[in-house]
Amino acid sequence: MKGRILTFILRVLCLTARVKVEGMDILKGLGEKKRGAVYCLWHGKMLFPFYYFRGNGIRPIISRHRDGELLASIAERLGYRPIRGSSTRFGGTALFEALKCIERGENVVFAGDGPLGPYHRLKIGCVYAASKTGAPLFIGSYASKPRKNFKSWDKFLIFPPFSKVKMKIKGPYFIPSVQKKELEEWRLKIEWELNALDKEVEKEIKGG
C-alpha cells in the first residue's frame, strides 16, 4: 500500500513539473548499436530521473537494505526490473549481475554514493563496470525550484507540484581496462565531474 501511494505522489509531482532537460541528444543511437551503457547519479538526486527514464529498459541497482524494499516496489510499479544487492564491492552479486546486463546490451544505473554514503563520495562500482565492459558511462543530475531536502545522509531532494525542474546529462566517458591504482584515478575524476555537474545545474536553476 505504501509503495502504491508513493508511486502516485511521484507521478503527480513529476507530471505537474515544468521540465527542461539538457543532454538527451548524447544518448541517441545507443539502442541502435545494441550496446549497454552505465548511468550514474547521486543518491539524493534520484527522484526526478527515476520517473523520467521509466519505460526505457534501464536496470537500476537497488540495495537489499530495508529502505531498498520500498524503492524496489516503486521501481517495479514504474516498469523497471531492479537488480537487487550491494554494488559497493567487486564481489557483490549486484555488480556481477550488472556486468552481465551491460554485456547483453542493457543499460544499468548506479546511485554513485548509495546506499549509505558517505555523501557525494563516489563508490567504485560504476567505474569498474564501465572499465570491465567497455561501456560508455554517463552522469546526470537535476535541481528544482522550489525545493526541499530531507534531513538524511543523502540530503534527498524533493519538490512540490508545479515546480520548475532542470536536469542535465553529460558524457560519454570511456574508461579503459586498467589496474586498481588507475581505476581509483578514474573514480576520483568521475566523482569530480558529477559534483561539478551537480553544482552547475543547481546554479542554473537558481538563476533561471
N, C-alpha and C. Protein backbone atom coordinates (compact mmCIF):
# COMPACT_ATOMS: atom_id res chain seq x y z
N MET A 1 0.83 -1.21 0.00
CA MET A 1 0.00 0.00 0.00
C MET A 1 0.87 1.26 0.00
N LYS A 2 1.91 1.27 0.84
CA LYS A 2 2.78 2.44 0.91
C LYS A 2 3.46 2.69 -0.42
N GLY A 3 3.91 1.61 -1.09
CA GLY A 3 4.54 1.76 -2.39
C GLY A 3 3.60 2.34 -3.42
N ARG A 4 2.34 1.94 -3.38
CA ARG A 4 1.34 2.44 -4.33
C ARG A 4 1.09 3.93 -4.12
N ILE A 5 0.98 4.33 -2.85
CA ILE A 5 0.74 5.74 -2.54
C ILE A 5 1.91 6.61 -2.97
N LEU A 6 3.12 6.17 -2.65
CA LEU A 6 4.30 6.95 -3.00
C LEU A 6 4.49 7.03 -4.51
N THR A 7 4.15 5.97 -5.22
CA THR A 7 4.24 5.99 -6.69
C THR A 7 3.26 7.01 -7.25
N PHE A 8 2.05 7.06 -6.69
CA PHE A 8 1.05 8.05 -7.13
C PHE A 8 1.55 9.47 -6.89
N ILE A 9 2.13 9.70 -5.71
CA ILE A 9 2.65 11.04 -5.39
C ILE A 9 3.77 11.42 -6.36
N LEU A 10 4.66 10.47 -6.64
CA LEU A 10 5.75 10.71 -7.58
C LEU A 10 5.22 11.12 -8.95
N ARG A 11 4.20 10.42 -9.41
CA ARG A 11 3.61 10.75 -10.71
C ARG A 11 3.05 12.16 -10.72
N VAL A 12 2.36 12.53 -9.65
CA VAL A 12 1.77 13.87 -9.57
C VAL A 12 2.85 14.95 -9.60
N LEU A 13 3.88 14.76 -8.79
CA LEU A 13 4.95 15.76 -8.72
C LEU A 13 5.62 15.95 -10.08
N CYS A 14 5.93 14.84 -10.75
CA CYS A 14 6.69 14.91 -12.00
C CYS A 14 5.83 15.33 -13.19
N LEU A 15 4.56 14.93 -13.19
CA LEU A 15 3.68 15.29 -14.30
C LEU A 15 3.32 16.78 -14.28
N THR A 16 3.29 17.37 -13.09
CA THR A 16 2.96 18.79 -13.00
C THR A 16 4.18 19.70 -13.09
N ALA A 17 5.37 19.14 -13.05
CA ALA A 17 6.60 19.94 -13.07
C ALA A 17 6.80 20.59 -14.44
N ARG A 18 7.41 21.76 -14.43
CA ARG A 18 7.82 22.43 -15.67
C ARG A 18 9.28 22.03 -15.90
N VAL A 19 9.47 21.19 -16.89
CA VAL A 19 10.73 20.46 -17.04
C VAL A 19 11.57 20.96 -18.21
N LYS A 20 12.87 21.06 -17.96
CA LYS A 20 13.83 21.30 -19.02
C LYS A 20 14.97 20.30 -18.85
N VAL A 21 15.27 19.57 -19.93
CA VAL A 21 16.31 18.55 -19.89
C VAL A 21 17.36 18.87 -20.95
N GLU A 22 18.62 18.85 -20.56
CA GLU A 22 19.72 19.08 -21.49
C GLU A 22 20.62 17.84 -21.54
N GLY A 23 21.01 17.46 -22.74
CA GLY A 23 21.96 16.37 -22.90
C GLY A 23 21.36 15.07 -23.39
N MET A 24 20.04 15.05 -23.63
CA MET A 24 19.43 13.80 -24.09
C MET A 24 19.96 13.38 -25.46
N ASP A 25 20.43 14.35 -26.24
CA ASP A 25 20.93 14.03 -27.59
C ASP A 25 22.15 13.11 -27.55
N ILE A 26 22.92 13.16 -26.46
CA ILE A 26 24.12 12.33 -26.40
C ILE A 26 23.79 10.85 -26.17
N LEU A 27 22.54 10.58 -25.78
CA LEU A 27 22.12 9.20 -25.55
C LEU A 27 21.54 8.55 -26.79
N LYS A 28 21.29 9.34 -27.82
CA LYS A 28 20.68 8.80 -29.03
C LYS A 28 21.62 7.82 -29.72
N GLY A 29 21.04 6.75 -30.25
CA GLY A 29 21.82 5.78 -31.00
C GLY A 29 22.37 4.65 -30.18
N LEU A 30 22.26 4.73 -28.84
CA LEU A 30 22.79 3.64 -28.01
C LEU A 30 22.05 2.34 -28.27
N GLY A 31 20.72 2.42 -28.35
CA GLY A 31 19.93 1.23 -28.60
C GLY A 31 20.19 0.64 -29.97
N GLU A 32 20.43 1.50 -30.96
CA GLU A 32 20.68 1.02 -32.31
C GLU A 32 21.98 0.22 -32.39
N LYS A 33 22.94 0.57 -31.53
CA LYS A 33 24.23 -0.11 -31.54
C LYS A 33 24.22 -1.38 -30.69
N LYS A 34 23.09 -1.66 -30.06
CA LYS A 34 22.98 -2.85 -29.21
C LYS A 34 24.07 -2.87 -28.15
N ARG A 35 24.36 -1.70 -27.63
CA ARG A 35 25.44 -1.59 -26.66
C ARG A 35 24.90 -1.07 -25.33
N GLY A 36 25.22 -1.78 -24.27
CA GLY A 36 24.79 -1.32 -22.96
C GLY A 36 25.56 -0.09 -22.52
N ALA A 37 25.00 0.63 -21.56
CA ALA A 37 25.65 1.82 -21.03
C ALA A 37 25.52 1.83 -19.51
N VAL A 38 26.37 2.62 -18.89
CA VAL A 38 26.36 2.79 -17.44
C VAL A 38 25.92 4.22 -17.13
N TYR A 39 24.95 4.36 -16.24
CA TYR A 39 24.49 5.67 -15.81
C TYR A 39 24.80 5.84 -14.33
N CYS A 40 25.12 7.06 -13.94
CA CYS A 40 25.47 7.32 -12.55
C CYS A 40 24.91 8.67 -12.11
N LEU A 41 24.30 8.70 -10.93
CA LEU A 41 23.80 9.93 -10.33
C LEU A 41 23.91 9.80 -8.82
N TRP A 42 23.81 10.92 -8.13
CA TRP A 42 23.88 10.87 -6.67
C TRP A 42 22.59 10.32 -6.09
N HIS A 43 22.69 9.63 -4.97
CA HIS A 43 21.54 9.00 -4.32
C HIS A 43 20.44 10.02 -4.01
N GLY A 44 20.84 11.21 -3.59
CA GLY A 44 19.86 12.23 -3.23
C GLY A 44 19.20 12.90 -4.41
N LYS A 45 19.68 12.60 -5.62
CA LYS A 45 19.12 13.20 -6.83
C LYS A 45 18.47 12.14 -7.72
N MET A 46 17.78 11.19 -7.09
CA MET A 46 17.17 10.09 -7.82
C MET A 46 15.73 10.36 -8.25
N LEU A 47 15.03 11.22 -7.52
CA LEU A 47 13.58 11.31 -7.66
C LEU A 47 13.10 11.57 -9.08
N PHE A 48 13.50 12.69 -9.66
CA PHE A 48 13.01 13.03 -10.98
C PHE A 48 13.53 12.09 -12.07
N PRO A 49 14.85 11.79 -12.12
CA PRO A 49 15.32 10.84 -13.14
C PRO A 49 14.62 9.48 -13.06
N PHE A 50 14.30 9.05 -11.84
CA PHE A 50 13.64 7.76 -11.64
C PHE A 50 12.32 7.72 -12.41
N TYR A 51 11.61 8.84 -12.38
CA TYR A 51 10.35 8.90 -13.13
C TYR A 51 10.59 9.14 -14.61
N TYR A 52 11.47 10.04 -14.92
CA TYR A 52 11.67 10.49 -16.31
C TYR A 52 12.13 9.36 -17.23
N PHE A 53 12.99 8.48 -16.74
CA PHE A 53 13.57 7.43 -17.58
C PHE A 53 12.82 6.11 -17.52
N ARG A 54 11.63 6.11 -16.93
CA ARG A 54 10.84 4.88 -16.87
C ARG A 54 10.50 4.42 -18.31
N GLY A 55 10.36 3.13 -18.47
CA GLY A 55 9.95 2.59 -19.76
C GLY A 55 11.05 2.51 -20.79
N ASN A 56 12.30 2.74 -20.39
CA ASN A 56 13.42 2.71 -21.34
C ASN A 56 14.32 1.48 -21.15
N GLY A 57 13.86 0.53 -20.37
CA GLY A 57 14.63 -0.70 -20.18
C GLY A 57 15.87 -0.56 -19.33
N ILE A 58 15.96 0.52 -18.58
CA ILE A 58 17.12 0.73 -17.71
C ILE A 58 16.98 -0.14 -16.46
N ARG A 59 18.07 -0.74 -16.03
CA ARG A 59 18.08 -1.62 -14.86
C ARG A 59 18.72 -0.89 -13.67
N PRO A 60 17.92 -0.42 -12.72
CA PRO A 60 18.50 0.24 -11.55
C PRO A 60 19.02 -0.76 -10.53
N ILE A 61 20.15 -0.46 -9.94
CA ILE A 61 20.67 -1.29 -8.84
C ILE A 61 20.08 -0.76 -7.54
N ILE A 62 19.35 -1.62 -6.84
CA ILE A 62 18.70 -1.24 -5.59
C ILE A 62 19.15 -2.19 -4.50
N SER A 63 19.62 -1.64 -3.41
CA SER A 63 20.20 -2.46 -2.35
C SER A 63 19.15 -3.31 -1.65
N ARG A 64 19.63 -4.29 -0.89
CA ARG A 64 18.76 -5.11 -0.06
C ARG A 64 18.63 -4.53 1.34
N HIS A 65 19.13 -3.31 1.52
CA HIS A 65 18.91 -2.58 2.76
C HIS A 65 17.40 -2.36 2.91
N ARG A 66 16.92 -2.16 4.12
CA ARG A 66 15.47 -2.09 4.35
C ARG A 66 14.79 -1.00 3.55
N ASP A 67 15.46 0.13 3.34
CA ASP A 67 14.87 1.20 2.52
C ASP A 67 14.76 0.79 1.06
N GLY A 68 15.60 -0.17 0.65
CA GLY A 68 15.59 -0.61 -0.73
C GLY A 68 14.34 -1.37 -1.10
N GLU A 69 13.68 -2.01 -0.11
CA GLU A 69 12.46 -2.77 -0.40
C GLU A 69 11.36 -1.86 -0.92
N LEU A 70 11.20 -0.71 -0.28
CA LEU A 70 10.19 0.24 -0.71
C LEU A 70 10.54 0.82 -2.08
N LEU A 71 11.81 1.16 -2.28
CA LEU A 71 12.24 1.70 -3.56
C LEU A 71 12.04 0.70 -4.69
N ALA A 72 12.33 -0.56 -4.40
CA ALA A 72 12.15 -1.61 -5.41
C ALA A 72 10.68 -1.74 -5.79
N SER A 73 9.80 -1.62 -4.80
CA SER A 73 8.36 -1.70 -5.06
C SER A 73 7.91 -0.56 -5.99
N ILE A 74 8.41 0.65 -5.73
CA ILE A 74 8.07 1.79 -6.58
C ILE A 74 8.64 1.59 -7.99
N ALA A 75 9.89 1.11 -8.04
CA ALA A 75 10.53 0.88 -9.34
C ALA A 75 9.73 -0.09 -10.19
N GLU A 76 9.27 -1.16 -9.60
CA GLU A 76 8.51 -2.16 -10.34
C GLU A 76 7.18 -1.60 -10.83
N ARG A 77 6.57 -0.74 -10.04
CA ARG A 77 5.31 -0.11 -10.46
C ARG A 77 5.53 0.84 -11.64
N LEU A 78 6.74 1.35 -11.77
CA LEU A 78 7.06 2.24 -12.88
C LEU A 78 7.59 1.46 -14.09
N GLY A 79 7.67 0.16 -13.98
CA GLY A 79 8.09 -0.67 -15.10
C GLY A 79 9.55 -1.06 -15.13
N TYR A 80 10.29 -0.75 -14.08
CA TYR A 80 11.70 -1.14 -14.00
C TYR A 80 11.83 -2.60 -13.55
N ARG A 81 12.97 -3.20 -13.91
CA ARG A 81 13.33 -4.51 -13.38
C ARG A 81 14.62 -4.31 -12.57
N PRO A 82 14.49 -4.09 -11.29
CA PRO A 82 15.68 -3.77 -10.48
C PRO A 82 16.66 -4.93 -10.38
N ILE A 83 17.92 -4.57 -10.23
CA ILE A 83 18.97 -5.51 -9.85
C ILE A 83 19.17 -5.32 -8.36
N ARG A 84 18.95 -6.38 -7.58
CA ARG A 84 18.99 -6.25 -6.12
C ARG A 84 20.31 -6.70 -5.55
N GLY A 85 20.81 -5.93 -4.60
CA GLY A 85 22.02 -6.31 -3.90
C GLY A 85 22.99 -5.16 -3.78
N SER A 86 24.15 -5.43 -3.20
CA SER A 86 25.19 -4.42 -2.99
C SER A 86 26.00 -4.20 -4.26
N SER A 87 26.24 -2.94 -4.57
CA SER A 87 27.09 -2.61 -5.71
C SER A 87 28.43 -2.05 -5.27
N THR A 88 28.72 -2.09 -3.97
CA THR A 88 29.88 -1.38 -3.45
C THR A 88 31.14 -2.23 -3.40
N ARG A 89 31.02 -3.53 -3.64
CA ARG A 89 32.20 -4.39 -3.58
C ARG A 89 32.32 -5.17 -4.87
N PHE A 90 33.54 -5.44 -5.27
CA PHE A 90 33.77 -6.17 -6.51
C PHE A 90 33.07 -7.54 -6.47
N GLY A 91 32.96 -8.12 -5.29
CA GLY A 91 32.36 -9.44 -5.18
C GLY A 91 30.86 -9.41 -5.03
N GLY A 92 30.25 -8.23 -5.03
CA GLY A 92 28.81 -8.12 -4.83
C GLY A 92 28.02 -8.78 -5.94
N THR A 93 26.97 -9.49 -5.56
CA THR A 93 26.14 -10.16 -6.57
C THR A 93 25.49 -9.17 -7.51
N ALA A 94 25.14 -7.99 -7.02
CA ALA A 94 24.51 -6.99 -7.87
C ALA A 94 25.47 -6.52 -8.96
N LEU A 95 26.72 -6.37 -8.61
CA LEU A 95 27.70 -5.91 -9.60
C LEU A 95 27.92 -6.96 -10.68
N PHE A 96 27.98 -8.22 -10.29
CA PHE A 96 28.13 -9.28 -11.28
C PHE A 96 26.91 -9.32 -12.21
N GLU A 97 25.74 -9.15 -11.65
CA GLU A 97 24.52 -9.14 -12.47
C GLU A 97 24.52 -7.93 -13.40
N ALA A 98 24.98 -6.79 -12.88
CA ALA A 98 25.06 -5.58 -13.70
C ALA A 98 25.99 -5.79 -14.90
N LEU A 99 27.13 -6.42 -14.66
CA LEU A 99 28.07 -6.68 -15.75
C LEU A 99 27.43 -7.55 -16.83
N LYS A 100 26.68 -8.57 -16.43
CA LYS A 100 26.01 -9.44 -17.40
C LYS A 100 24.96 -8.67 -18.19
N CYS A 101 24.23 -7.80 -17.51
CA CYS A 101 23.21 -6.99 -18.19
C CYS A 101 23.84 -6.07 -19.23
N ILE A 102 24.93 -5.41 -18.86
CA ILE A 102 25.60 -4.48 -19.78
C ILE A 102 26.12 -5.23 -20.99
N GLU A 103 26.70 -6.40 -20.76
CA GLU A 103 27.24 -7.19 -21.87
C GLU A 103 26.14 -7.69 -22.80
N ARG A 104 24.90 -7.80 -22.26
CA ARG A 104 23.76 -8.18 -23.11
C ARG A 104 23.17 -6.99 -23.85
N GLY A 105 23.70 -5.80 -23.59
CA GLY A 105 23.19 -4.61 -24.26
C GLY A 105 22.20 -3.81 -23.44
N GLU A 106 22.05 -4.16 -22.16
CA GLU A 106 21.13 -3.42 -21.30
C GLU A 106 21.86 -2.26 -20.61
N ASN A 107 21.08 -1.25 -20.23
CA ASN A 107 21.63 -0.09 -19.55
C ASN A 107 21.40 -0.22 -18.05
N VAL A 108 22.42 0.10 -17.27
CA VAL A 108 22.36 -0.05 -15.81
C VAL A 108 22.64 1.29 -15.15
N VAL A 109 21.85 1.61 -14.12
CA VAL A 109 22.07 2.88 -13.41
C VAL A 109 22.52 2.61 -11.98
N PHE A 110 23.55 3.34 -11.57
CA PHE A 110 24.11 3.24 -10.22
C PHE A 110 23.82 4.53 -9.45
N ALA A 111 23.43 4.40 -8.19
CA ALA A 111 23.42 5.55 -7.28
C ALA A 111 24.86 5.67 -6.77
N GLY A 112 25.56 6.68 -7.24
CA GLY A 112 27.00 6.75 -7.06
C GLY A 112 27.50 6.70 -5.64
N ASP A 113 26.74 7.29 -4.70
CA ASP A 113 27.18 7.31 -3.30
C ASP A 113 26.27 6.45 -2.42
N GLY A 114 25.40 5.66 -3.04
CA GLY A 114 24.46 4.86 -2.27
C GLY A 114 25.00 3.48 -1.94
N PRO A 115 24.27 2.76 -1.06
CA PRO A 115 23.01 3.16 -0.43
C PRO A 115 23.16 3.88 0.91
N LEU A 116 24.38 3.97 1.43
CA LEU A 116 24.54 4.53 2.78
C LEU A 116 25.61 5.62 2.86
N GLY A 117 26.09 6.12 1.72
CA GLY A 117 27.06 7.18 1.73
C GLY A 117 28.49 6.69 1.88
N PRO A 118 29.42 7.58 2.18
CA PRO A 118 29.26 9.00 2.53
C PRO A 118 28.70 9.86 1.39
N TYR A 119 28.16 10.99 1.76
CA TYR A 119 27.51 11.92 0.85
C TYR A 119 28.47 12.38 -0.25
N HIS A 120 28.05 12.20 -1.50
CA HIS A 120 28.77 12.63 -2.70
C HIS A 120 30.19 12.05 -2.77
N ARG A 121 30.36 10.89 -2.21
CA ARG A 121 31.63 10.16 -2.31
C ARG A 121 31.37 8.96 -3.24
N LEU A 122 31.91 9.03 -4.43
CA LEU A 122 31.60 8.03 -5.44
C LEU A 122 32.19 6.67 -5.07
N LYS A 123 31.35 5.65 -5.12
CA LYS A 123 31.83 4.29 -4.93
C LYS A 123 32.35 3.76 -6.27
N ILE A 124 33.13 2.73 -6.20
CA ILE A 124 33.88 2.27 -7.37
C ILE A 124 33.03 1.48 -8.37
N GLY A 125 31.84 1.05 -7.97
CA GLY A 125 31.05 0.13 -8.79
C GLY A 125 30.82 0.56 -10.22
N CYS A 126 30.34 1.80 -10.42
CA CYS A 126 30.01 2.25 -11.77
C CYS A 126 31.26 2.38 -12.64
N VAL A 127 32.36 2.81 -12.04
CA VAL A 127 33.62 2.96 -12.77
C VAL A 127 34.16 1.59 -13.17
N TYR A 128 34.11 0.66 -12.23
CA TYR A 128 34.56 -0.70 -12.51
C TYR A 128 33.73 -1.33 -13.63
N ALA A 129 32.40 -1.15 -13.57
CA ALA A 129 31.52 -1.74 -14.58
C ALA A 129 31.82 -1.19 -15.97
N ALA A 130 32.04 0.12 -16.07
CA ALA A 130 32.35 0.73 -17.36
C ALA A 130 33.70 0.26 -17.88
N SER A 131 34.67 0.15 -16.98
CA SER A 131 36.01 -0.30 -17.36
C SER A 131 36.00 -1.76 -17.80
N LYS A 132 35.30 -2.59 -17.06
CA LYS A 132 35.29 -4.03 -17.32
C LYS A 132 34.59 -4.37 -18.64
N THR A 133 33.52 -3.64 -18.96
CA THR A 133 32.71 -3.96 -20.15
C THR A 133 33.03 -3.10 -21.36
N GLY A 134 33.72 -1.98 -21.15
CA GLY A 134 33.97 -1.06 -22.25
C GLY A 134 32.78 -0.19 -22.59
N ALA A 135 31.76 -0.23 -21.74
CA ALA A 135 30.53 0.53 -21.98
C ALA A 135 30.75 2.02 -21.70
N PRO A 136 30.04 2.90 -22.42
CA PRO A 136 30.12 4.32 -22.11
C PRO A 136 29.45 4.62 -20.78
N LEU A 137 30.01 5.57 -20.04
CA LEU A 137 29.45 5.98 -18.76
C LEU A 137 28.90 7.40 -18.91
N PHE A 138 27.66 7.60 -18.44
CA PHE A 138 27.01 8.90 -18.47
C PHE A 138 26.67 9.30 -17.04
N ILE A 139 26.76 10.60 -16.76
CA ILE A 139 26.38 11.11 -15.45
C ILE A 139 25.22 12.08 -15.60
N GLY A 140 24.44 12.24 -14.53
CA GLY A 140 23.30 13.13 -14.59
C GLY A 140 22.99 13.72 -13.24
N SER A 141 22.32 14.87 -13.26
CA SER A 141 21.86 15.49 -12.03
C SER A 141 20.69 16.42 -12.35
N TYR A 142 19.92 16.75 -11.33
CA TYR A 142 18.82 17.69 -11.53
C TYR A 142 18.68 18.60 -10.32
N ALA A 143 17.96 19.68 -10.51
CA ALA A 143 17.65 20.62 -9.43
C ALA A 143 16.25 21.15 -9.65
N SER A 144 15.68 21.70 -8.60
CA SER A 144 14.31 22.21 -8.71
C SER A 144 14.16 23.53 -7.96
N LYS A 145 13.12 24.25 -8.33
CA LYS A 145 12.77 25.49 -7.64
C LYS A 145 11.25 25.59 -7.61
N PRO A 146 10.61 25.57 -6.42
CA PRO A 146 11.19 25.45 -5.08
C PRO A 146 11.69 24.03 -4.82
N ARG A 147 12.19 23.81 -3.62
CA ARG A 147 12.80 22.54 -3.28
C ARG A 147 12.73 22.28 -1.79
N LYS A 148 12.93 21.01 -1.46
CA LYS A 148 13.09 20.64 -0.06
C LYS A 148 14.07 19.48 0.01
N ASN A 149 15.02 19.58 0.93
CA ASN A 149 15.98 18.49 1.15
C ASN A 149 15.67 17.81 2.47
N PHE A 150 15.54 16.48 2.43
CA PHE A 150 15.33 15.74 3.66
C PHE A 150 16.57 15.85 4.55
N LYS A 151 16.36 15.65 5.85
CA LYS A 151 17.48 15.63 6.79
C LYS A 151 18.03 14.22 6.89
N SER A 152 18.47 13.70 5.76
CA SER A 152 19.04 12.36 5.67
C SER A 152 20.47 12.48 5.18
N TRP A 153 21.21 11.39 5.24
CA TRP A 153 22.62 11.44 4.87
C TRP A 153 22.81 11.93 3.43
N ASP A 154 21.84 11.61 2.53
CA ASP A 154 21.98 11.97 1.12
C ASP A 154 21.35 13.31 0.76
N LYS A 155 20.72 13.98 1.76
CA LYS A 155 20.04 15.27 1.53
C LYS A 155 19.04 15.13 0.37
N PHE A 156 18.26 14.06 0.42
CA PHE A 156 17.35 13.70 -0.68
C PHE A 156 16.49 14.89 -1.11
N LEU A 157 16.50 15.18 -2.42
CA LEU A 157 15.79 16.33 -2.96
C LEU A 157 14.38 15.93 -3.39
N ILE A 158 13.40 16.70 -2.92
CA ILE A 158 12.02 16.53 -3.35
C ILE A 158 11.46 17.92 -3.64
N PHE A 159 10.40 17.97 -4.44
CA PHE A 159 9.84 19.27 -4.82
C PHE A 159 8.32 19.18 -4.83
N PRO A 160 7.63 20.31 -4.62
CA PRO A 160 6.17 20.31 -4.64
C PRO A 160 5.63 20.31 -6.07
N PRO A 161 4.32 20.09 -6.23
CA PRO A 161 3.73 20.14 -7.57
C PRO A 161 3.97 21.50 -8.24
N PHE A 162 4.04 21.49 -9.56
CA PHE A 162 4.20 22.68 -10.39
C PHE A 162 5.54 23.39 -10.20
N SER A 163 6.53 22.65 -9.76
CA SER A 163 7.86 23.21 -9.59
C SER A 163 8.57 23.32 -10.94
N LYS A 164 9.61 24.12 -10.95
CA LYS A 164 10.50 24.20 -12.10
C LYS A 164 11.62 23.19 -11.89
N VAL A 165 11.84 22.31 -12.86
CA VAL A 165 12.84 21.25 -12.74
C VAL A 165 13.78 21.29 -13.94
N LYS A 166 15.07 21.21 -13.66
CA LYS A 166 16.06 21.15 -14.74
C LYS A 166 16.98 19.95 -14.51
N MET A 167 17.18 19.17 -15.56
CA MET A 167 18.07 18.02 -15.48
C MET A 167 19.10 18.11 -16.60
N LYS A 168 20.33 17.71 -16.28
CA LYS A 168 21.41 17.71 -17.26
C LYS A 168 22.11 16.37 -17.28
N ILE A 169 22.49 15.95 -18.47
CA ILE A 169 23.21 14.69 -18.66
C ILE A 169 24.53 15.01 -19.35
N LYS A 170 25.58 14.32 -18.95
CA LYS A 170 26.90 14.57 -19.52
C LYS A 170 27.61 13.24 -19.80
N GLY A 171 28.42 13.22 -20.84
CA GLY A 171 29.18 12.02 -21.21
C GLY A 171 29.25 11.95 -22.73
N PRO A 172 29.69 10.83 -23.25
CA PRO A 172 30.11 9.62 -22.54
C PRO A 172 31.56 9.69 -22.08
N TYR A 173 31.85 8.94 -21.03
CA TYR A 173 33.21 8.72 -20.56
C TYR A 173 33.55 7.25 -20.86
N PHE A 174 34.66 7.05 -21.52
CA PHE A 174 35.11 5.69 -21.81
C PHE A 174 36.31 5.38 -20.92
N ILE A 175 36.15 4.42 -20.04
CA ILE A 175 37.17 4.09 -19.05
C ILE A 175 37.89 2.83 -19.50
N PRO A 176 39.17 2.92 -19.78
CA PRO A 176 39.90 1.74 -20.26
C PRO A 176 40.03 0.67 -19.19
N SER A 177 40.38 -0.51 -19.62
CA SER A 177 40.66 -1.60 -18.68
C SER A 177 42.02 -1.34 -18.04
N VAL A 178 42.00 -0.99 -16.76
CA VAL A 178 43.23 -0.57 -16.08
C VAL A 178 43.39 -1.31 -14.75
N GLN A 179 44.54 -1.12 -14.14
CA GLN A 179 44.83 -1.70 -12.83
C GLN A 179 44.14 -0.87 -11.74
N LYS A 180 44.19 -1.40 -10.52
CA LYS A 180 43.45 -0.81 -9.40
C LYS A 180 43.83 0.66 -9.16
N LYS A 181 45.11 0.99 -9.24
CA LYS A 181 45.55 2.37 -8.99
C LYS A 181 44.95 3.33 -10.00
N GLU A 182 45.02 2.95 -11.29
CA GLU A 182 44.46 3.81 -12.34
C GLU A 182 42.93 3.89 -12.23
N LEU A 183 42.32 2.79 -11.78
CA LEU A 183 40.87 2.79 -11.61
C LEU A 183 40.45 3.79 -10.54
N GLU A 184 41.25 3.90 -9.49
CA GLU A 184 40.98 4.88 -8.44
C GLU A 184 41.11 6.30 -8.99
N GLU A 185 42.05 6.52 -9.88
CA GLU A 185 42.18 7.84 -10.50
C GLU A 185 40.93 8.18 -11.31
N TRP A 186 40.39 7.18 -12.02
CA TRP A 186 39.15 7.39 -12.77
C TRP A 186 37.97 7.62 -11.82
N ARG A 187 37.95 6.92 -10.69
CA ARG A 187 36.88 7.14 -9.71
C ARG A 187 36.88 8.58 -9.23
N LEU A 188 38.06 9.09 -8.94
CA LEU A 188 38.16 10.48 -8.48
C LEU A 188 37.75 11.45 -9.58
N LYS A 189 38.08 11.15 -10.82
CA LYS A 189 37.71 12.02 -11.94
C LYS A 189 36.20 12.06 -12.12
N ILE A 190 35.55 10.90 -12.11
CA ILE A 190 34.10 10.86 -12.29
C ILE A 190 33.40 11.50 -11.11
N GLU A 191 33.93 11.30 -9.90
CA GLU A 191 33.37 11.95 -8.71
C GLU A 191 33.42 13.47 -8.87
N TRP A 192 34.56 13.97 -9.34
CA TRP A 192 34.70 15.42 -9.54
C TRP A 192 33.73 15.91 -10.61
N GLU A 193 33.63 15.18 -11.71
CA GLU A 193 32.73 15.56 -12.81
C GLU A 193 31.27 15.59 -12.35
N LEU A 194 30.87 14.59 -11.57
CA LEU A 194 29.49 14.53 -11.11
C LEU A 194 29.19 15.65 -10.12
N ASN A 195 30.12 15.95 -9.24
CA ASN A 195 29.93 17.07 -8.32
C ASN A 195 29.87 18.40 -9.06
N ALA A 196 30.72 18.55 -10.09
CA ALA A 196 30.72 19.78 -10.88
C ALA A 196 29.39 19.93 -11.63
N LEU A 197 28.88 18.85 -12.19
CA LEU A 197 27.59 18.90 -12.89
C LEU A 197 26.47 19.23 -11.92
N ASP A 198 26.53 18.67 -10.74
CA ASP A 198 25.52 18.94 -9.72
C ASP A 198 25.50 20.42 -9.35
N LYS A 199 26.67 20.99 -9.14
CA LYS A 199 26.76 22.41 -8.80
C LYS A 199 26.29 23.29 -9.96
N GLU A 200 26.59 22.86 -11.18
CA GLU A 200 26.21 23.61 -12.38
C GLU A 200 24.69 23.70 -12.50
N VAL A 201 24.01 22.57 -12.35
CA VAL A 201 22.56 22.57 -12.51
C VAL A 201 21.88 23.30 -11.36
N GLU A 202 22.46 23.23 -10.16
CA GLU A 202 21.92 23.97 -9.02
C GLU A 202 22.04 25.49 -9.26
N LYS A 203 23.16 25.90 -9.79
CA LYS A 203 23.37 27.32 -10.06
C LYS A 203 22.42 27.81 -11.14
N GLU A 204 22.21 27.01 -12.17
CA GLU A 204 21.35 27.41 -13.28
C GLU A 204 19.88 27.50 -12.88
N ILE A 205 19.43 26.60 -12.02
CA ILE A 205 18.02 26.65 -11.61
C ILE A 205 17.76 27.88 -10.75
N LYS A 206 18.74 28.28 -9.98
CA LYS A 206 18.58 29.46 -9.13
C LYS A 206 18.54 30.73 -9.97
N GLY A 207 19.29 30.73 -11.07
CA GLY A 207 19.32 31.93 -11.91
C GLY A 207 18.24 31.96 -12.97
N GLY A 208 17.50 30.83 -13.12
CA GLY A 208 16.52 30.72 -14.20
C GLY A 208 15.16 31.30 -13.87
